[in-house]
Amino acid sequence: MTEFYNRLLPWKSAVIVAVDLMGGFSKEGKIPWHYPEDFKWFQQHTKNNICVMGRTTYDDIDRKLGDMAEASVLPSRECYVVTSRPLKRMNATPIPNIESLAKYRDEDNAHKTVFFIGGELIYKESVELVDEAYVTVINTIVEGADRFFPVDYVAEHFKTMNSANAQTFDAVFTLLRRTSY
């Protein structure tokens, strides 16, 4: 992991997630809310950057976007999927684990930020590596949430740099920066 971290360090990295007050971000395999303002926040920060996701997250996005995801599962982003199985389309690069991402770093993408966008296992592994966390905190508790973001780890190792209230729903967009490992 140390060798990987040293190779990733020059590459700015972040997690991006929307959570309820308990850190929940999924219920029965689906995001339990739909807020266009949050999707714009996500797009604003991840566009023209690198997104890394797990297989379930990939399958969900690919299914929702359909033909719009033909060239890239997330348009205007370089996408990697942590998976042991082949992808249905060549709209993302499959990688066996987060550590293998380091071999894709080159001069063309060295200036980009790597965003880890889920699911639960990707968040748990990547939050220990990243420099920043972009967290939308939605003022609700989702009954039956079954996937959680490691909010306790972030609270212990990150500091809020800025935050802004959402305009169209009850939430706060927050940027946090790492203070310790």
C-alpha atoms as a PDB file:
ATOM      1  CA  MET A   1       0.000   0.000   0.000  1.00  0.00           C
ATOM      2  CA  THR A   2       2.877   2.399   0.749  1.00  0.00           C
ATOM      3  CA  GLU A   3       4.265   2.131  -2.783  1.00  0.00           C
ATOM      4  CA  PHE A   4       0.786   2.748  -4.188  1.00  0.00           C
ATOM      5  CA  TYR A   5       0.225   5.720  -1.878  1.00  0.00           C
ATOM      6  CA  ASN A   6       3.557   7.263  -2.887  1.00  0.00           C
ATOM      7  CA  ARG A   7       2.641   6.932  -6.558  1.00  0.00           C
ATOM      8  CA  LEU A   8      -0.862   8.320  -5.959  1.00  0.00           C
ATOM      9  CA  LEU A   9       0.279  11.209  -3.754  1.00  0.00           C
ATOM     10  CA  PRO A  10       1.190  13.528  -6.683  1.00  0.00           C
ATOM     11  CA  TRP A  11      -2.294  12.790  -8.043  1.00  0.00           C
ATOM     12  CA  LYS A  12      -4.848  14.840  -6.142  1.00  0.00           C
ATOM     13  CA  SER A  13      -7.532  12.487  -4.820  1.00  0.00           C
ATOM     14  CA  ALA A  14     -10.955  12.773  -3.207  1.00  0.00           C
ATOM     15  CA  VAL A  15     -14.110  10.920  -2.297  1.00  0.00           C
ATOM     16  CA  ILE A  16     -17.460  12.375  -3.272  1.00  0.00           C
ATOM     17  CA  VAL A  17     -20.713  11.214  -1.700  1.00  0.00           C
ATOM     18  CA  ALA A  18     -24.180  12.303  -0.563  1.00  0.00           C
ATOM     19  CA  VAL A  19     -25.234  10.918   2.809  1.00  0.00           C
ATOM     20  CA  ASP A  20     -28.062  11.133   5.305  1.00  0.00           C
ATOM     21  CA  LEU A  21     -27.449  12.207   8.904  1.00  0.00           C
ATOM     22  CA  MET A  22     -26.244   8.692   9.791  1.00  0.00           C
ATOM     23  CA  GLY A  23     -23.891   8.355   6.818  1.00  0.00           C
ATOM     24  CA  GLY A  24     -26.317   6.217   4.798  1.00  0.00           C
ATOM     25  CA  PHE A  25     -26.153   6.572   1.026  1.00  0.00           C
ATOM     26  CA  SER A  26     -28.082   3.557  -0.255  1.00  0.00           C
ATOM     27  CA  LYS A  27     -31.224   1.577   0.432  1.00  0.00           C
ATOM     28  CA  GLU A  28     -31.866  -1.711  -1.346  1.00  0.00           C
ATOM     29  CA  GLY A  29     -29.177  -0.931  -3.900  1.00  0.00           C
ATOM     30  CA  LYS A  30     -30.492   2.508  -4.849  1.00  0.00           C
ATOM     31  CA  ILE A  31     -29.741   6.097  -3.905  1.00  0.00           C
ATOM     32  CA  PRO A  32     -32.719   6.959  -1.677  1.00  0.00           C
ATOM     33  CA  TRP A  33     -33.211  10.500  -3.013  1.00  0.00           C
ATOM     34  CA  HIS A  34     -33.151  12.450  -6.268  1.00  0.00           C
ATOM     35  CA  TYR A  35     -31.917  16.033  -6.087  1.00  0.00           C
ATOM     36  CA  PRO A  36     -30.805  17.637  -9.383  1.00  0.00           C
ATOM     37  CA  GLU A  37     -28.793  20.219  -7.435  1.00  0.00           C
ATOM     38  CA  ASP A  38     -26.720  17.425  -5.900  1.00  0.00           C
ATOM     39  CA  PHE A  39     -26.171  15.855  -9.330  1.00  0.00           C
ATOM     40  CA  LYS A  40     -24.895  19.258 -10.545  1.00  0.00           C
ATOM     41  CA  TRP A  41     -22.511  19.423  -7.547  1.00  0.00           C
ATOM     42  CA  PHE A  42     -21.227  15.957  -8.462  1.00  0.00           C
ATOM     43  CA  GLN A  43     -20.824  16.866 -12.131  1.00  0.00           C
ATOM     44  CA  GLN A  44     -19.169  20.207 -11.372  1.00  0.00           C
ATOM     45  CA  HIS A  45     -16.423  18.542  -9.355  1.00  0.00           C
ATOM     46  CA  THR A  46     -15.894  15.301 -11.274  1.00  0.00           C
ATOM     47  CA  LYS A  47     -16.145  16.577 -14.866  1.00  0.00           C
ATOM     48  CA  ASN A  48     -12.875  16.311 -16.809  1.00  0.00           C
ATOM     49  CA  ASN A  49     -11.370  14.284 -13.978  1.00  0.00           C
ATOM     50  CA  ILE A  50     -11.003  10.600 -13.110  1.00  0.00           C
ATOM     51  CA  CYS A  51     -13.760   8.556 -11.443  1.00  0.00           C
ATOM     52  CA  VAL A  52     -13.193   5.215  -9.738  1.00  0.00           C
ATOM     53  CA  MET A  53     -16.160   3.064  -8.765  1.00  0.00           C
ATOM     54  CA  GLY A  54     -17.084  -0.448  -7.771  1.00  0.00           C
ATOM     55  CA  ARG A  55     -18.904  -2.847 -10.057  1.00  0.00           C
ATOM     56  CA  THR A  56     -22.377  -2.337  -8.567  1.00  0.00           C
ATOM     57  CA  THR A  57     -22.065   1.446  -8.878  1.00  0.00           C
ATOM     58  CA  TYR A  58     -20.915   1.036 -12.478  1.00  0.00           C
ATOM     59  CA  ASP A  59     -23.789  -1.304 -13.374  1.00  0.00           C
ATOM     60  CA  ASP A  60     -26.328   1.079 -11.832  1.00  0.00           C
ATOM     61  CA  ILE A  61     -25.001   4.155 -13.684  1.00  0.00           C
ATOM     62  CA  ASP A  62     -24.629   2.252 -16.970  1.00  0.00           C
ATOM     63  CA  ARG A  63     -28.210   0.943 -16.719  1.00  0.00           C
ATOM     64  CA  LYS A  64     -29.639   4.403 -15.933  1.00  0.00           C
ATOM     65  CA  LEU A  65     -27.766   6.182 -18.723  1.00  0.00           C
ATOM     66  CA  GLY A  66     -28.247   3.487 -21.362  1.00  0.00           C
ATOM     67  CA  ASP A  67     -27.049   4.580 -24.800  1.00  0.00           C
ATOM     68  CA  MET A  68     -25.870   7.924 -23.404  1.00  0.00           C
ATOM     69  CA  ALA A  69     -23.126   5.901 -21.666  1.00  0.00           C
ATOM     70  CA  GLU A  70     -21.848   4.273 -24.853  1.00  0.00           C
ATOM     71  CA  ALA A  71     -18.543   6.174 -25.002  1.00  0.00           C
ATOM     72  CA  SER A  72     -18.109   6.634 -21.239  1.00  0.00           C
ATOM     73  CA  VAL A  73     -20.202   5.468 -18.319  1.00  0.00           C
ATOM     74  CA  LEU A  74     -19.841   9.061 -17.057  1.00  0.00           C
ATOM     75  CA  PRO A  75     -19.357  11.431 -19.998  1.00  0.00           C
ATOM     76  CA  SER A  76     -16.416  13.858 -19.803  1.00  0.00           C
ATOM     77  CA  ARG A  77     -14.658  11.691 -17.236  1.00  0.00           C
ATOM     78  CA  GLU A  78     -11.988   9.006 -17.381  1.00  0.00           C
ATOM     79  CA  CYS A  79     -13.656   6.071 -15.594  1.00  0.00           C
ATOM     80  CA  TYR A  80     -12.242   2.993 -13.867  1.00  0.00           C
ATOM     81  CA  VAL A  81     -14.257   0.119 -12.402  1.00  0.00           C
ATOM     82  CA  VAL A  82     -12.888  -2.140  -9.684  1.00  0.00           C
ATOM     83  CA  THR A  83     -14.115  -5.555 -10.800  1.00  0.00           C
ATOM     84  CA  SER A  84     -13.040  -9.118 -11.426  1.00  0.00           C
ATOM     85  CA  ARG A  85     -15.527  -9.572 -14.293  1.00  0.00           C
ATOM     86  CA  PRO A  86     -15.487  -8.143 -17.831  1.00  0.00           C
ATOM     87  CA  LEU A  87     -17.655  -5.092 -18.526  1.00  0.00           C
ATOM     88  CA  LYS A  88     -20.560  -5.290 -20.995  1.00  0.00           C
ATOM     89  CA  ARG A  89     -19.302  -2.248 -22.871  1.00  0.00           C
ATOM     90  CA  MET A  90     -15.910  -0.628 -23.228  1.00  0.00           C
ATOM     91  CA  ASN A  91     -17.089   2.609 -21.629  1.00  0.00           C
ATOM     92  CA  ALA A  92     -14.766   2.312 -18.605  1.00  0.00           C
ATOM     93  CA  THR A  93     -11.479   0.626 -17.790  1.00  0.00           C
ATOM     94  CA  PRO A  94     -11.757  -2.438 -15.546  1.00  0.00           C
ATOM     95  CA  ILE A  95      -9.120  -2.717 -12.795  1.00  0.00           C
ATOM     96  CA  PRO A  96      -8.734  -5.547 -10.269  1.00  0.00           C
ATOM     97  CA  ASN A  97      -8.206  -3.265  -7.246  1.00  0.00           C
ATOM     98  CA  ILE A  98      -7.602   0.352  -6.258  1.00  0.00           C
ATOM     99  CA  GLU A  99      -3.842  -0.192  -6.096  1.00  0.00           C
ATOM    100  CA  SER A 100      -3.712  -1.042  -9.816  1.00  0.00           C
ATOM    101  CA  LEU A 101      -4.960   2.461 -10.661  1.00  0.00           C
ATOM    102  CA  ALA A 102      -1.395   3.759 -10.186  1.00  0.00           C
ATOM    103  CA  LYS A 103      -0.231   2.163 -13.452  1.00  0.00           C
ATOM    104  CA  TYR A 104      -2.648   4.401 -15.418  1.00  0.00           C
ATOM    105  CA  ARG A 105      -1.082   7.635 -14.185  1.00  0.00           C
ATOM    106  CA  ASP A 106       0.686   9.479 -17.017  1.00  0.00           C
ATOM    107  CA  GLU A 107       1.482  12.992 -18.233  1.00  0.00           C
ATOM    108  CA  ASP A 108      -1.945  13.363 -19.841  1.00  0.00           C
ATOM    109  CA  ASN A 109      -3.867  12.855 -16.600  1.00  0.00           C
ATOM    110  CA  ALA A 110      -1.364  13.860 -13.878  1.00  0.00           C
ATOM    111  CA  HIS A 111      -3.163  17.211 -13.394  1.00  0.00           C
ATOM    112  CA  LYS A 112      -6.551  15.560 -12.847  1.00  0.00           C
ATOM    113  CA  THR A 113      -8.208  14.686  -9.552  1.00  0.00           C
ATOM    114  CA  VAL A 114      -9.091  11.056  -8.863  1.00  0.00           C
ATOM    115  CA  PHE A 115     -12.623  10.887  -7.420  1.00  0.00           C
ATOM    116  CA  PHE A 116     -13.710   7.705  -5.668  1.00  0.00           C
ATOM    117  CA  ILE A 117     -17.490   7.641  -6.176  1.00  0.00           C
ATOM    118  CA  GLY A 118     -18.655   4.452  -4.442  1.00  0.00           C
ATOM    119  CA  GLY A 119     -19.868   1.990  -3.421  1.00  0.00           C
ATOM    120  CA  GLU A 120     -19.351   1.134   0.178  1.00  0.00           C
ATOM    121  CA  LEU A 121     -16.161  -0.928  -0.164  1.00  0.00           C
ATOM    122  CA  ILE A 122     -14.556   1.633  -2.480  1.00  0.00           C
ATOM    123  CA  TYR A 123     -15.323   4.368   0.061  1.00  0.00           C
ATOM    124  CA  LYS A 124     -13.894   2.331   2.947  1.00  0.00           C
ATOM    125  CA  GLU A 125     -10.666   1.600   1.068  1.00  0.00           C
ATOM    126  CA  SER A 126     -10.150   4.983  -0.557  1.00  0.00           C
ATOM    127  CA  VAL A 127     -11.026   7.312   2.319  1.00  0.00           C
ATOM    128  CA  GLU A 128      -7.742   6.317   3.955  1.00  0.00           C
ATOM    129  CA  LEU A 129      -5.818   7.504   0.861  1.00  0.00           C
ATOM    130  CA  VAL A 130      -7.519  10.688  -0.281  1.00  0.00           C
ATOM    131  CA  ASP A 131      -6.676  14.341   0.289  1.00  0.00           C
ATOM    132  CA  GLU A 132     -10.238  15.662   0.240  1.00  0.00           C
ATOM    133  CA  ALA A 133     -13.837  14.654   0.813  1.00  0.00           C
ATOM    134  CA  TYR A 134     -16.790  16.278  -0.960  1.00  0.00           C
ATOM    135  CA  VAL A 135     -19.763  15.369   1.195  1.00  0.00           C
ATOM    136  CA  THR A 136     -23.374  16.395   0.708  1.00  0.00           C
ATOM    137  CA  VAL A 137     -25.124  15.945   4.045  1.00  0.00           C
ATOM    138  CA  ILE A 138     -28.872  15.608   3.539  1.00  0.00           C
ATOM    139  CA  ASN A 139     -30.956  16.545   6.559  1.00  0.00           C
ATOM    140  CA  THR A 140     -32.837  13.273   6.867  1.00  0.00           C
ATOM    141  CA  ILE A 141     -32.435   9.774   8.210  1.00  0.00           C
ATOM    142  CA  VAL A 142     -33.232   7.070   5.686  1.00  0.00           C
ATOM    143  CA  GLU A 143     -35.025   4.224   7.436  1.00  0.00           C
ATOM    144  CA  GLY A 144     -33.591   0.968   6.190  1.00  0.00           C
ATOM    145  CA  ALA A 145     -30.400   2.455   4.716  1.00  0.00           C
ATOM    146  CA  ASP A 146     -28.074  -0.472   4.096  1.00  0.00           C
ATOM    147  CA  ARG A 147     -24.865   1.103   2.774  1.00  0.00           C
ATOM    148  CA  PHE A 148     -22.863   3.615   4.777  1.00  0.00           C
ATOM    149  CA  PHE A 149     -20.011   6.032   4.209  1.00  0.00           C
ATOM    150  CA  PRO A 150     -17.289   6.041   6.928  1.00  0.00           C
ATOM    151  CA  VAL A 151     -18.289   9.388   8.459  1.00  0.00           C
ATOM    152  CA  ASP A 152     -16.499   8.664  11.753  1.00  0.00           C
ATOM    153  CA  TYR A 153     -13.172   8.282   9.938  1.00  0.00           C
ATOM    154  CA  VAL A 154     -13.741  11.545   8.054  1.00  0.00           C
ATOM    155  CA  ALA A 155     -14.684  13.380  11.273  1.00  0.00           C
ATOM    156  CA  GLU A 156     -11.434  12.209  12.883  1.00  0.00           C
ATOM    157  CA  HIS A 157      -9.035  12.826   9.983  1.00  0.00           C
ATOM    158  CA  PHE A 158     -10.514  15.740   7.974  1.00  0.00           C
ATOM    159  CA  LYS A 159     -11.365  19.377   8.607  1.00  0.00           C
ATOM    160  CA  THR A 160     -14.185  21.352   6.974  1.00  0.00           C
ATOM    161  CA  MET A 161     -12.728  23.903   4.575  1.00  0.00           C
ATOM    162  CA  ASN A 162     -16.016  25.338   3.336  1.00  0.00           C
ATOM    163  CA  SER A 163     -19.682  24.528   3.190  1.00  0.00           C
ATOM    164  CA  ALA A 164     -22.794  25.896   1.533  1.00  0.00           C
ATOM    165  CA  ASN A 165     -26.475  25.224   1.982  1.00  0.00           C
ATOM    166  CA  ALA A 166     -28.298  23.647  -0.925  1.00  0.00           C
ATOM    167  CA  GLN A 167     -30.838  25.978  -2.520  1.00  0.00           C
ATOM    168  CA  THR A 168     -33.501  23.456  -3.569  1.00  0.00           C
ATOM    169  CA  PHE A 169     -33.442  20.862  -0.763  1.00  0.00           C
ATOM    170  CA  ASP A 170     -32.435  20.582   2.900  1.00  0.00           C
ATOM    171  CA  ALA A 171     -28.738  19.744   2.688  1.00  0.00           C
ATOM    172  CA  VAL A 172     -25.223  21.119   3.061  1.00  0.00           C
ATOM    173  CA  PHE A 173     -22.455  20.750   0.477  1.00  0.00           C
ATOM    174  CA  THR A 174     -19.150  20.366   2.321  1.00  0.00           C
ATOM    175  CA  LEU A 175     -15.513  20.255   1.267  1.00  0.00           C
ATOM    176  CA  LEU A 176     -13.203  18.663   3.827  1.00  0.00           C
ATOM    177  CA  ARG A 177      -9.394  18.390   3.733  1.00  0.00           C
ATOM    178  CA  ARG A 178      -7.261  15.772   5.383  1.00  0.00           C
ATOM    179  CA  THR A 179      -5.492  16.812   8.579  1.00  0.00           C
ATOM    180  CA  SER A 180      -4.018  13.450   9.621  1.00  0.00           C
ATOM    181  CA  TYR A 181      -3.544   9.836   8.581  1.00  0.00           C
END
